[in-house]
Amino acid sequence: MAINLQKGQRVDLTKGNAGLNKIKVGLGWDPVGQEKSGGFLGGLFSSRNSGSGSGRSVDCDASVLMLQDDKVLAGDDVIYFGKLTSNCGSVRHSGDNLTGDGDGDDEVITIELSSVPTQFNKLVFVVNIYDAAGRNQHFGMIQNAYIRVYDDRTGSELIRYNLSDNYSNLTTLICGEIYRHQNEWKFAAVGSGTNDIKLGDVVRRYQ
């Protein structure tokens, strides 16, 4: 049974899960006023070519920041729709979902924990709204956002965190972190919103 977390909580990921190595991090959401059965991070990825403001689909981008001593030291350590696989091959992005159609997770990050080079101590999962300023959009326009972690071997859900805070007028969500603790990996439910407009603005927070 999955562990349901609240903001700020931390939980063991690999300790007690013998053999756990390849995991998937799924994300999804629903536009306010529209229900969709599943998906947080990827649902945030609807068409970039439709309307404006609240009448326009909200197109968000999921990214993973690979930190060394809690810092991003190189551009190649940012995994997003423009760089789908880390140089080491341990982190793989499913690609930008521009529509958010369909059930289940809208966007998925696959991680082979044993293959993450030892210099990386933390993976940070971020979602930001594409052209938020130009479109006058923010995360108050979505609902039912979540991030979850599940075992790639079995599909068994291990962790779920529903991002239920009021994120109105915020344009970026720092959703969660997977980090090393001694010889194990843990997950932290972050759920912080910021006014960062571009991914580069978020990266600078970790430099």
N, C-alpha and C. Protein backbone atom coordinates (compact mmCIF):
# COMPACT_ATOMS: atom_id res chain seq x y z
N MET A 1 0.85 -1.20 0.00
CA MET A 1 0.00 0.00 0.00
C MET A 1 0.88 1.24 0.00
N ALA A 2 0.52 2.22 -0.82
CA ALA A 2 1.30 3.44 -0.93
C ALA A 2 1.23 4.26 0.36
N ILE A 3 2.32 4.96 0.65
CA ILE A 3 2.36 5.90 1.76
C ILE A 3 1.91 7.26 1.25
N ASN A 4 0.87 7.81 1.83
CA ASN A 4 0.38 9.12 1.45
C ASN A 4 1.03 10.17 2.35
N LEU A 5 1.73 11.11 1.73
CA LEU A 5 2.49 12.11 2.48
C LEU A 5 1.78 13.46 2.52
N GLN A 6 2.14 14.21 3.55
CA GLN A 6 1.74 15.61 3.66
C GLN A 6 2.97 16.47 3.40
N LYS A 7 2.73 17.74 3.07
CA LYS A 7 3.82 18.66 2.78
C LYS A 7 4.84 18.66 3.91
N GLY A 8 6.11 18.53 3.52
CA GLY A 8 7.20 18.56 4.50
C GLY A 8 7.60 17.20 5.03
N GLN A 9 6.82 16.17 4.78
CA GLN A 9 7.16 14.85 5.30
C GLN A 9 8.23 14.18 4.44
N ARG A 10 9.00 13.32 5.08
CA ARG A 10 10.05 12.55 4.43
C ARG A 10 9.84 11.08 4.75
N VAL A 11 10.24 10.22 3.81
CA VAL A 11 10.01 8.80 4.01
C VAL A 11 11.11 8.00 3.32
N ASP A 12 11.45 6.85 3.90
CA ASP A 12 12.42 5.96 3.26
C ASP A 12 11.85 5.43 1.95
N LEU A 13 12.70 5.38 0.95
CA LEU A 13 12.30 4.84 -0.35
C LEU A 13 12.87 3.43 -0.55
N THR A 14 14.18 3.27 -0.37
CA THR A 14 14.81 1.97 -0.61
C THR A 14 14.93 1.12 0.65
N LYS A 15 15.04 1.75 1.82
CA LYS A 15 15.15 0.97 3.06
C LYS A 15 13.86 0.19 3.29
N GLY A 16 14.01 -1.10 3.44
CA GLY A 16 12.83 -1.94 3.60
C GLY A 16 12.22 -2.41 2.30
N ASN A 17 12.75 -1.94 1.18
CA ASN A 17 12.29 -2.37 -0.16
C ASN A 17 13.46 -3.06 -0.86
N ALA A 18 13.76 -4.26 -0.43
CA ALA A 18 14.90 -4.99 -0.95
C ALA A 18 14.80 -5.16 -2.47
N GLY A 19 15.89 -4.84 -3.15
CA GLY A 19 15.94 -5.02 -4.60
C GLY A 19 15.36 -3.87 -5.39
N LEU A 20 14.80 -2.87 -4.72
CA LEU A 20 14.24 -1.74 -5.45
C LEU A 20 15.36 -0.95 -6.12
N ASN A 21 15.25 -0.78 -7.43
CA ASN A 21 16.27 -0.05 -8.17
C ASN A 21 15.63 0.89 -9.19
N LYS A 22 14.91 0.33 -10.16
CA LYS A 22 14.30 1.19 -11.16
C LYS A 22 12.93 1.64 -10.68
N ILE A 23 12.76 2.94 -10.58
CA ILE A 23 11.49 3.51 -10.15
C ILE A 23 10.97 4.47 -11.21
N LYS A 24 9.70 4.75 -11.12
CA LYS A 24 9.09 5.75 -11.97
C LYS A 24 8.44 6.81 -11.09
N VAL A 25 8.58 8.06 -11.50
CA VAL A 25 7.94 9.17 -10.81
C VAL A 25 6.90 9.73 -11.77
N GLY A 26 5.64 9.56 -11.39
CA GLY A 26 4.53 10.01 -12.24
C GLY A 26 3.91 11.27 -11.68
N LEU A 27 3.48 12.15 -12.58
CA LEU A 27 2.85 13.40 -12.17
C LEU A 27 1.62 13.66 -13.01
N GLY A 28 0.65 14.38 -12.43
CA GLY A 28 -0.57 14.66 -13.16
C GLY A 28 -1.36 15.81 -12.55
N TRP A 29 -2.41 16.28 -13.24
CA TRP A 29 -3.24 17.40 -12.78
C TRP A 29 -4.52 17.45 -13.58
N ASP A 30 -5.46 18.29 -13.17
CA ASP A 30 -6.66 18.61 -13.94
C ASP A 30 -6.79 20.12 -14.04
N PRO A 31 -7.21 20.63 -15.19
CA PRO A 31 -7.55 22.06 -15.25
C PRO A 31 -8.74 22.33 -14.34
N VAL A 32 -8.77 23.48 -13.72
CA VAL A 32 -9.92 23.86 -12.91
C VAL A 32 -11.17 23.83 -13.78
N GLY A 33 -12.22 23.18 -13.25
CA GLY A 33 -13.45 23.08 -14.01
C GLY A 33 -13.51 21.90 -14.94
N GLN A 34 -12.44 21.08 -14.94
CA GLN A 34 -12.41 19.89 -15.79
C GLN A 34 -11.87 18.73 -15.00
N GLU A 35 -12.54 17.62 -15.03
CA GLU A 35 -12.07 16.44 -14.32
C GLU A 35 -11.44 15.47 -15.31
N LYS A 36 -10.32 14.90 -14.91
CA LYS A 36 -9.64 13.90 -15.72
C LYS A 36 -9.16 12.82 -14.80
N SER A 37 -9.29 11.57 -15.19
CA SER A 37 -8.99 10.47 -14.28
C SER A 37 -7.51 10.15 -14.26
N GLY A 38 -6.78 10.96 -13.52
CA GLY A 38 -5.38 10.66 -13.29
C GLY A 38 -4.46 11.66 -13.93
N GLY A 39 -3.22 11.68 -13.48
CA GLY A 39 -2.19 12.51 -14.07
C GLY A 39 -2.00 13.84 -13.39
N PHE A 40 -0.77 14.12 -12.94
CA PHE A 40 -0.45 15.44 -12.38
C PHE A 40 0.58 16.12 -13.23
N LEU A 41 1.76 15.63 -13.30
CA LEU A 41 2.80 16.38 -14.00
C LEU A 41 2.51 16.46 -15.46
N GLY A 42 2.08 15.44 -16.09
CA GLY A 42 1.93 15.55 -17.51
C GLY A 42 0.71 16.30 -17.90
N GLY A 43 -0.41 16.17 -17.13
CA GLY A 43 -1.60 16.93 -17.46
C GLY A 43 -1.27 18.38 -17.53
N LEU A 44 -0.22 18.76 -16.87
CA LEU A 44 0.20 20.14 -16.90
C LEU A 44 0.75 20.51 -18.26
N PHE A 45 0.59 19.65 -19.22
CA PHE A 45 1.28 19.87 -20.48
C PHE A 45 0.27 19.88 -21.61
N SER A 46 -0.55 20.89 -21.69
CA SER A 46 -1.51 20.96 -22.77
C SER A 46 -1.01 21.89 -23.85
N SER A 47 -1.79 22.02 -24.92
CA SER A 47 -1.29 22.63 -26.14
C SER A 47 -0.76 24.04 -25.97
N ARG A 48 0.34 24.34 -26.66
CA ARG A 48 0.95 25.65 -26.61
C ARG A 48 0.35 26.59 -27.64
N ASN A 49 -0.63 26.14 -28.40
CA ASN A 49 -1.12 26.93 -29.52
C ASN A 49 -2.56 27.38 -29.38
N SER A 50 -3.15 27.23 -28.18
CA SER A 50 -4.54 27.60 -28.01
C SER A 50 -4.67 28.89 -27.24
N GLY A 51 -5.85 29.47 -27.19
CA GLY A 51 -6.31 30.71 -26.58
C GLY A 51 -5.40 31.55 -25.72
N SER A 52 -5.93 32.32 -24.73
CA SER A 52 -5.11 33.10 -23.83
C SER A 52 -5.78 33.17 -22.46
N GLY A 53 -4.97 33.45 -21.45
CA GLY A 53 -5.49 33.57 -20.10
C GLY A 53 -6.21 32.32 -19.66
N SER A 54 -7.29 32.50 -18.87
CA SER A 54 -7.98 31.35 -18.32
C SER A 54 -8.68 30.53 -19.38
N GLY A 55 -8.90 31.11 -20.57
CA GLY A 55 -9.53 30.36 -21.64
C GLY A 55 -8.55 29.56 -22.46
N ARG A 56 -7.29 29.65 -22.11
CA ARG A 56 -6.23 28.97 -22.85
C ARG A 56 -5.75 27.76 -22.07
N SER A 57 -5.42 26.70 -22.76
CA SER A 57 -4.92 25.52 -22.07
C SER A 57 -3.60 25.86 -21.38
N VAL A 58 -3.40 25.27 -20.20
CA VAL A 58 -2.20 25.52 -19.43
C VAL A 58 -1.15 24.49 -19.82
N ASP A 59 -0.03 24.94 -20.34
CA ASP A 59 1.03 24.06 -20.80
C ASP A 59 2.20 24.16 -19.83
N CYS A 60 2.42 23.08 -19.07
CA CYS A 60 3.51 23.07 -18.10
C CYS A 60 4.59 22.10 -18.50
N ASP A 61 5.77 22.32 -17.97
CA ASP A 61 6.93 21.49 -18.28
C ASP A 61 7.52 20.91 -17.01
N ALA A 62 7.72 19.60 -17.01
CA ALA A 62 8.34 18.92 -15.87
C ALA A 62 9.84 18.80 -16.10
N SER A 63 10.60 18.97 -15.05
CA SER A 63 12.05 18.88 -15.13
C SER A 63 12.61 18.19 -13.89
N VAL A 64 13.82 17.67 -14.02
CA VAL A 64 14.54 17.07 -12.89
C VAL A 64 15.89 17.78 -12.79
N LEU A 65 16.19 18.30 -11.62
CA LEU A 65 17.50 18.90 -11.37
C LEU A 65 18.35 17.90 -10.61
N MET A 66 19.51 17.56 -11.16
CA MET A 66 20.43 16.62 -10.52
C MET A 66 21.47 17.44 -9.75
N LEU A 67 21.45 17.34 -8.43
CA LEU A 67 22.28 18.20 -7.59
C LEU A 67 23.51 17.47 -7.06
N GLN A 68 24.62 18.21 -7.02
CA GLN A 68 25.83 17.76 -6.35
C GLN A 68 26.05 18.69 -5.16
N ASP A 69 26.08 18.12 -3.97
CA ASP A 69 26.16 18.93 -2.75
C ASP A 69 25.09 20.02 -2.76
N ASP A 70 23.87 19.63 -3.16
CA ASP A 70 22.69 20.50 -3.18
C ASP A 70 22.79 21.63 -4.20
N LYS A 71 23.65 21.48 -5.21
CA LYS A 71 23.79 22.52 -6.23
C LYS A 71 23.77 21.92 -7.63
N VAL A 72 23.23 22.69 -8.58
CA VAL A 72 23.34 22.34 -9.99
C VAL A 72 24.67 22.90 -10.49
N LEU A 73 25.57 22.03 -10.90
CA LEU A 73 26.90 22.46 -11.30
C LEU A 73 27.09 22.53 -12.81
N ALA A 74 26.17 21.97 -13.57
CA ALA A 74 26.31 21.99 -15.03
C ALA A 74 24.93 21.95 -15.68
N GLY A 75 24.82 22.59 -16.84
CA GLY A 75 23.56 22.60 -17.57
C GLY A 75 23.09 21.22 -17.95
N ASP A 76 24.03 20.31 -18.19
CA ASP A 76 23.67 18.94 -18.56
C ASP A 76 23.01 18.18 -17.41
N ASP A 77 23.03 18.74 -16.22
CA ASP A 77 22.43 18.08 -15.06
C ASP A 77 20.97 18.48 -14.87
N VAL A 78 20.40 19.15 -15.86
CA VAL A 78 18.98 19.50 -15.86
C VAL A 78 18.29 18.68 -16.95
N ILE A 79 17.35 17.82 -16.56
CA ILE A 79 16.66 16.93 -17.48
C ILE A 79 15.26 17.50 -17.71
N TYR A 80 14.93 17.78 -18.97
CA TYR A 80 13.64 18.40 -19.30
C TYR A 80 13.29 18.03 -20.74
N PHE A 81 12.23 18.65 -21.32
CA PHE A 81 11.79 18.22 -22.65
C PHE A 81 12.85 18.43 -23.72
N GLY A 82 13.82 19.32 -23.46
CA GLY A 82 14.89 19.55 -24.43
C GLY A 82 16.09 18.65 -24.23
N LYS A 83 16.16 17.95 -23.11
CA LYS A 83 17.23 16.97 -22.82
C LYS A 83 16.59 15.85 -22.02
N LEU A 84 16.18 14.80 -22.71
CA LEU A 84 15.34 13.78 -22.11
C LEU A 84 16.09 12.74 -21.28
N THR A 85 17.40 12.63 -21.46
CA THR A 85 18.17 11.62 -20.75
C THR A 85 19.43 12.23 -20.16
N SER A 86 19.72 11.89 -18.92
CA SER A 86 20.95 12.38 -18.29
C SER A 86 22.16 11.77 -18.97
N ASN A 87 23.30 12.43 -18.86
CA ASN A 87 24.51 11.92 -19.50
C ASN A 87 24.87 10.53 -19.01
N CYS A 88 24.57 10.24 -17.75
CA CYS A 88 24.88 8.93 -17.18
C CYS A 88 23.83 7.88 -17.54
N GLY A 89 22.70 8.30 -18.09
CA GLY A 89 21.64 7.38 -18.49
C GLY A 89 20.74 6.92 -17.36
N SER A 90 20.94 7.44 -16.15
CA SER A 90 20.16 6.95 -15.00
C SER A 90 18.80 7.62 -14.87
N VAL A 91 18.62 8.79 -15.51
CA VAL A 91 17.36 9.53 -15.43
C VAL A 91 16.83 9.75 -16.84
N ARG A 92 15.58 9.33 -17.07
CA ARG A 92 14.98 9.44 -18.40
C ARG A 92 13.59 10.07 -18.30
N HIS A 93 13.39 11.08 -19.11
CA HIS A 93 12.14 11.84 -19.16
C HIS A 93 11.27 11.27 -20.29
N SER A 94 9.97 11.12 -20.04
CA SER A 94 9.09 10.52 -21.05
C SER A 94 8.78 11.45 -22.20
N GLY A 95 9.11 12.73 -22.07
CA GLY A 95 8.85 13.68 -23.15
C GLY A 95 7.72 14.62 -22.83
N ASP A 96 7.70 15.76 -23.52
CA ASP A 96 6.71 16.80 -23.24
C ASP A 96 5.34 16.38 -23.77
N ASN A 97 4.37 16.34 -22.87
CA ASN A 97 2.99 16.02 -23.21
C ASN A 97 2.25 17.34 -23.39
N LEU A 98 1.88 17.66 -24.63
CA LEU A 98 1.28 18.96 -24.91
C LEU A 98 -0.22 18.98 -24.75
N THR A 99 -0.84 17.82 -24.55
CA THR A 99 -2.31 17.80 -24.49
C THR A 99 -2.85 17.39 -23.14
N GLY A 100 -2.15 16.51 -22.42
CA GLY A 100 -2.65 16.01 -21.15
C GLY A 100 -3.81 15.05 -21.31
N ASP A 101 -4.04 14.57 -22.53
CA ASP A 101 -5.15 13.65 -22.78
C ASP A 101 -4.86 12.28 -22.20
N GLY A 102 -5.92 11.54 -21.90
CA GLY A 102 -5.79 10.16 -21.46
C GLY A 102 -5.75 10.02 -19.95
N ASP A 103 -5.90 8.76 -19.52
CA ASP A 103 -5.93 8.47 -18.10
C ASP A 103 -4.52 8.24 -17.57
N GLY A 104 -4.41 8.19 -16.25
CA GLY A 104 -3.14 7.87 -15.61
C GLY A 104 -2.19 9.06 -15.60
N ASP A 105 -0.92 8.76 -15.33
CA ASP A 105 0.10 9.81 -15.26
C ASP A 105 0.24 10.48 -16.62
N ASP A 106 0.38 11.79 -16.59
CA ASP A 106 0.57 12.52 -17.82
C ASP A 106 2.02 12.58 -18.25
N GLU A 107 2.92 12.55 -17.30
CA GLU A 107 4.35 12.58 -17.60
C GLU A 107 5.07 11.73 -16.57
N VAL A 108 6.10 11.03 -17.02
CA VAL A 108 6.77 10.06 -16.15
C VAL A 108 8.28 10.23 -16.27
N ILE A 109 8.96 10.20 -15.13
CA ILE A 109 10.41 10.19 -15.08
C ILE A 109 10.86 8.82 -14.58
N THR A 110 11.73 8.16 -15.32
CA THR A 110 12.26 6.84 -14.94
C THR A 110 13.67 7.01 -14.38
N ILE A 111 13.93 6.40 -13.24
CA ILE A 111 15.22 6.55 -12.57
C ILE A 111 15.76 5.18 -12.18
N GLU A 112 17.01 4.91 -12.55
CA GLU A 112 17.72 3.73 -12.07
C GLU A 112 18.63 4.19 -10.94
N LEU A 113 18.20 3.94 -9.73
CA LEU A 113 18.89 4.51 -8.57
C LEU A 113 20.35 4.06 -8.48
N SER A 114 20.62 2.81 -8.76
CA SER A 114 21.99 2.30 -8.63
C SER A 114 22.93 2.90 -9.68
N SER A 115 22.37 3.49 -10.72
CA SER A 115 23.18 4.06 -11.79
C SER A 115 23.40 5.56 -11.65
N VAL A 116 22.74 6.17 -10.65
CA VAL A 116 22.97 7.60 -10.42
C VAL A 116 24.38 7.77 -9.86
N PRO A 117 25.26 8.49 -10.55
CA PRO A 117 26.64 8.64 -10.07
C PRO A 117 26.68 9.17 -8.64
N THR A 118 27.67 8.71 -7.89
CA THR A 118 27.73 9.01 -6.46
C THR A 118 27.88 10.49 -6.16
N GLN A 119 28.35 11.28 -7.12
CA GLN A 119 28.50 12.71 -6.83
C GLN A 119 27.16 13.43 -6.73
N PHE A 120 26.10 12.81 -7.25
CA PHE A 120 24.77 13.43 -7.16
C PHE A 120 24.09 12.98 -5.87
N ASN A 121 23.73 13.95 -5.03
CA ASN A 121 23.12 13.60 -3.75
C ASN A 121 21.61 13.80 -3.74
N LYS A 122 21.07 14.48 -4.76
CA LYS A 122 19.65 14.80 -4.71
C LYS A 122 19.09 15.02 -6.11
N LEU A 123 17.84 14.58 -6.32
CA LEU A 123 17.10 14.84 -7.55
C LEU A 123 15.86 15.65 -7.18
N VAL A 124 15.70 16.80 -7.79
CA VAL A 124 14.58 17.70 -7.48
C VAL A 124 13.62 17.72 -8.66
N PHE A 125 12.32 17.54 -8.38
CA PHE A 125 11.29 17.47 -9.42
C PHE A 125 10.51 18.79 -9.44
N VAL A 126 10.54 19.43 -10.61
CA VAL A 126 10.00 20.79 -10.77
C VAL A 126 9.00 20.81 -11.91
N VAL A 127 7.95 21.62 -11.78
CA VAL A 127 7.02 21.87 -12.87
C VAL A 127 6.84 23.38 -13.02
N ASN A 128 6.99 23.89 -14.24
CA ASN A 128 6.74 25.31 -14.46
C ASN A 128 5.82 25.49 -15.66
N ILE A 129 5.09 26.59 -15.67
CA ILE A 129 4.13 26.89 -16.74
C ILE A 129 4.84 27.58 -17.89
N TYR A 130 4.65 27.03 -19.08
CA TYR A 130 5.26 27.60 -20.28
C TYR A 130 4.66 28.98 -20.57
N ASP A 131 5.53 29.98 -20.75
CA ASP A 131 5.11 31.34 -21.10
C ASP A 131 4.03 31.85 -20.15
N ALA A 132 4.24 31.63 -18.85
CA ALA A 132 3.23 32.02 -17.85
C ALA A 132 2.93 33.51 -17.90
N ALA A 133 3.97 34.33 -18.04
CA ALA A 133 3.75 35.78 -18.04
C ALA A 133 2.98 36.21 -19.29
N GLY A 134 3.39 35.70 -20.44
CA GLY A 134 2.73 36.06 -21.69
C GLY A 134 1.30 35.60 -21.75
N ARG A 135 1.00 34.50 -21.13
CA ARG A 135 -0.35 33.94 -21.16
C ARG A 135 -1.19 34.33 -19.94
N ASN A 136 -0.54 35.00 -18.99
CA ASN A 136 -1.23 35.40 -17.76
C ASN A 136 -1.85 34.19 -17.07
N GLN A 137 -1.00 33.16 -16.86
CA GLN A 137 -1.46 31.92 -16.26
C GLN A 137 -0.68 31.62 -14.98
N HIS A 138 -1.28 30.81 -14.12
CA HIS A 138 -0.65 30.45 -12.85
C HIS A 138 -1.26 29.13 -12.38
N PHE A 139 -0.70 28.58 -11.30
CA PHE A 139 -1.13 27.27 -10.83
C PHE A 139 -2.46 27.29 -10.09
N GLY A 140 -3.04 28.44 -9.91
CA GLY A 140 -4.41 28.47 -9.42
C GLY A 140 -5.40 27.98 -10.45
N MET A 141 -4.92 27.78 -11.69
CA MET A 141 -5.77 27.32 -12.78
C MET A 141 -5.76 25.81 -12.93
N ILE A 142 -5.11 25.10 -12.00
CA ILE A 142 -5.14 23.64 -12.02
C ILE A 142 -5.60 23.11 -10.67
N GLN A 143 -5.96 21.85 -10.66
CA GLN A 143 -6.42 21.19 -9.43
C GLN A 143 -5.98 19.73 -9.47
N ASN A 144 -6.14 19.06 -8.35
CA ASN A 144 -5.86 17.61 -8.25
C ASN A 144 -4.42 17.26 -8.63
N ALA A 145 -3.48 18.15 -8.35
CA ALA A 145 -2.09 17.89 -8.68
C ALA A 145 -1.49 16.85 -7.73
N TYR A 146 -0.63 15.99 -8.27
CA TYR A 146 0.04 15.00 -7.42
C TYR A 146 1.37 14.59 -8.01
N ILE A 147 2.20 14.01 -7.17
CA ILE A 147 3.42 13.34 -7.59
C ILE A 147 3.42 11.98 -6.90
N ARG A 148 3.80 10.93 -7.61
CA ARG A 148 3.82 9.61 -7.00
C ARG A 148 5.06 8.85 -7.47
N VAL A 149 5.48 7.89 -6.66
CA VAL A 149 6.63 7.04 -6.98
C VAL A 149 6.15 5.60 -6.99
N TYR A 150 6.52 4.86 -8.04
CA TYR A 150 6.13 3.45 -8.07
C TYR A 150 7.25 2.58 -8.61
N ASP A 151 7.17 1.30 -8.27
CA ASP A 151 8.18 0.30 -8.63
C ASP A 151 7.99 -0.07 -10.09
N ASP A 152 9.05 0.09 -10.88
CA ASP A 152 8.96 -0.23 -12.31
C ASP A 152 8.71 -1.72 -12.54
N ARG A 153 9.20 -2.57 -11.65
CA ARG A 153 9.07 -4.02 -11.83
C ARG A 153 7.62 -4.48 -11.71
N THR A 154 6.95 -3.95 -10.72
CA THR A 154 5.62 -4.45 -10.37
C THR A 154 4.49 -3.46 -10.65
N GLY A 155 4.84 -2.19 -10.82
CA GLY A 155 3.82 -1.16 -10.97
C GLY A 155 3.21 -0.75 -9.64
N SER A 156 3.72 -1.33 -8.55
CA SER A 156 3.17 -1.05 -7.22
C SER A 156 3.53 0.37 -6.79
N GLU A 157 2.51 1.13 -6.39
CA GLU A 157 2.73 2.50 -5.94
C GLU A 157 3.33 2.48 -4.55
N LEU A 158 4.41 3.23 -4.37
CA LEU A 158 5.12 3.27 -3.10
C LEU A 158 4.80 4.52 -2.30
N ILE A 159 4.74 5.66 -3.00
CA ILE A 159 4.57 6.96 -2.35
C ILE A 159 3.65 7.82 -3.19
N ARG A 160 2.78 8.57 -2.53
CA ARG A 160 1.93 9.55 -3.22
C ARG A 160 1.85 10.82 -2.37
N TYR A 161 1.98 11.94 -3.06
CA TYR A 161 1.86 13.24 -2.39
C TYR A 161 0.93 14.12 -3.23
N ASN A 162 -0.22 14.45 -2.68
CA ASN A 162 -1.17 15.34 -3.35
C ASN A 162 -0.83 16.79 -3.00
N LEU A 163 -0.60 17.60 -4.03
CA LEU A 163 -0.23 19.00 -3.82
C LEU A 163 -1.52 19.81 -3.71
N SER A 164 -1.97 19.97 -2.48
CA SER A 164 -3.30 20.52 -2.23
C SER A 164 -3.30 21.97 -1.75
N ASP A 165 -2.12 22.60 -1.64
CA ASP A 165 -2.07 24.00 -1.22
C ASP A 165 -2.69 24.92 -2.27
N ASN A 166 -2.92 26.15 -1.89
CA ASN A 166 -3.39 27.16 -2.84
C ASN A 166 -2.18 27.75 -3.55
N TYR A 167 -2.04 27.46 -4.84
CA TYR A 167 -0.89 27.94 -5.61
C TYR A 167 -1.27 29.07 -6.57
N SER A 168 -2.34 29.78 -6.28
CA SER A 168 -2.77 30.89 -7.12
C SER A 168 -1.65 31.93 -7.24
N ASN A 169 -1.49 32.43 -8.46
CA ASN A 169 -0.50 33.47 -8.79
C ASN A 169 0.94 32.98 -8.75
N LEU A 170 1.14 31.67 -8.58
CA LEU A 170 2.49 31.10 -8.63
C LEU A 170 2.68 30.36 -9.94
N THR A 171 3.89 30.37 -10.47
CA THR A 171 4.14 29.86 -11.81
C THR A 171 5.08 28.66 -11.86
N THR A 172 5.63 28.28 -10.73
CA THR A 172 6.50 27.10 -10.67
C THR A 172 6.21 26.33 -9.39
N LEU A 173 6.22 25.00 -9.49
CA LEU A 173 6.07 24.14 -8.31
C LEU A 173 7.32 23.29 -8.15
N ILE A 174 7.91 23.35 -6.97
CA ILE A 174 8.97 22.40 -6.60
C ILE A 174 8.25 21.29 -5.86
N CYS A 175 8.05 20.17 -6.54
CA CYS A 175 7.11 19.15 -6.07
C CYS A 175 7.68 18.24 -5.00
N GLY A 176 8.86 17.69 -5.28
CA GLY A 176 9.43 16.73 -4.35
C GLY A 176 10.89 16.49 -4.65
N GLU A 177 11.54 15.74 -3.76
CA GLU A 177 12.96 15.42 -3.90
C GLU A 177 13.20 13.95 -3.57
N ILE A 178 14.10 13.35 -4.29
CA ILE A 178 14.64 12.04 -3.94
C ILE A 178 16.11 12.27 -3.62
N TYR A 179 16.54 11.86 -2.44
CA TYR A 179 17.89 12.19 -2.01
C TYR A 179 18.55 11.02 -1.28
N ARG A 180 19.88 11.04 -1.29
CA ARG A 180 20.64 10.00 -0.61
C ARG A 180 20.69 10.28 0.89
N HIS A 181 20.57 9.20 1.65
CA HIS A 181 20.77 9.27 3.10
C HIS A 181 21.60 8.06 3.49
N GLN A 182 22.89 8.30 3.74
CA GLN A 182 23.84 7.21 3.95
C GLN A 182 23.82 6.30 2.72
N ASN A 183 23.46 5.04 2.88
CA ASN A 183 23.46 4.14 1.71
C ASN A 183 22.07 3.90 1.14
N GLU A 184 21.13 4.71 1.56
CA GLU A 184 19.75 4.54 1.10
C GLU A 184 19.27 5.80 0.39
N TRP A 185 18.06 5.69 -0.21
CA TRP A 185 17.41 6.83 -0.84
C TRP A 185 16.12 7.14 -0.09
N LYS A 186 15.81 8.43 0.03
CA LYS A 186 14.58 8.87 0.66
C LYS A 186 13.82 9.81 -0.29
N PHE A 187 12.55 10.02 0.04
CA PHE A 187 11.71 10.96 -0.71
C PHE A 187 11.20 12.03 0.24
N ALA A 188 11.23 13.29 -0.22
CA ALA A 188 10.70 14.41 0.56
C ALA A 188 9.58 15.08 -0.22
N ALA A 189 8.45 15.31 0.45
CA ALA A 189 7.33 16.03 -0.16
C ALA A 189 7.55 17.52 0.07
N VAL A 190 7.87 18.25 -0.98
CA VAL A 190 8.23 19.67 -0.85
C VAL A 190 7.02 20.56 -1.05
N GLY A 191 6.44 20.56 -2.24
CA GLY A 191 5.20 21.30 -2.48
C GLY A 191 5.32 22.80 -2.35
N SER A 192 6.49 23.36 -2.73
CA SER A 192 6.68 24.81 -2.65
C SER A 192 6.39 25.47 -3.99
N GLY A 193 5.67 26.57 -3.97
CA GLY A 193 5.41 27.33 -5.18
C GLY A 193 6.26 28.58 -5.23
N THR A 194 6.65 29.00 -6.44
CA THR A 194 7.46 30.21 -6.62
C THR A 194 6.90 31.02 -7.78
N ASN A 195 7.44 32.22 -7.93
CA ASN A 195 7.08 33.08 -9.05
C ASN A 195 8.09 33.02 -10.19
N ASP A 196 8.95 32.01 -10.19
CA ASP A 196 9.92 31.86 -11.27
C ASP A 196 9.19 31.66 -12.60
N ILE A 197 9.61 32.40 -13.61
CA ILE A 197 8.95 32.36 -14.92
C ILE A 197 9.54 31.28 -15.81
N LYS A 198 10.87 31.11 -15.76
CA LYS A 198 11.55 30.16 -16.64
C LYS A 198 12.30 29.12 -15.82
N LEU A 199 12.59 27.99 -16.47
CA LEU A 199 13.34 26.94 -15.79
C LEU A 199 14.68 27.45 -15.33
N GLY A 200 15.29 28.30 -16.13
CA GLY A 200 16.59 28.86 -15.74
C GLY A 200 16.53 29.62 -14.43
N ASP A 201 15.40 30.28 -14.17
CA ASP A 201 15.22 30.99 -12.89
C ASP A 201 15.23 30.01 -11.72
N VAL A 202 14.59 28.85 -11.93
CA VAL A 202 14.55 27.83 -10.88
C VAL A 202 15.96 27.27 -10.65
N VAL A 203 16.67 26.99 -11.73
CA VAL A 203 18.01 26.44 -11.62
C VAL A 203 18.91 27.36 -10.81
N ARG A 204 18.77 28.66 -11.01
CA ARG A 204 19.61 29.61 -10.29
C ARG A 204 19.42 29.54 -8.78
N ARG A 205 18.26 29.05 -8.34
CA ARG A 205 18.05 28.86 -6.92
C ARG A 205 19.00 27.81 -6.33
N TYR A 206 19.51 26.94 -7.19
CA TYR A 206 20.34 25.83 -6.73
C TYR A 206 21.79 25.99 -7.17
N GLN A 207 22.18 27.22 -7.46
CA GLN A 207 23.58 27.45 -7.85
C GLN A 207 24.33 28.25 -6.80
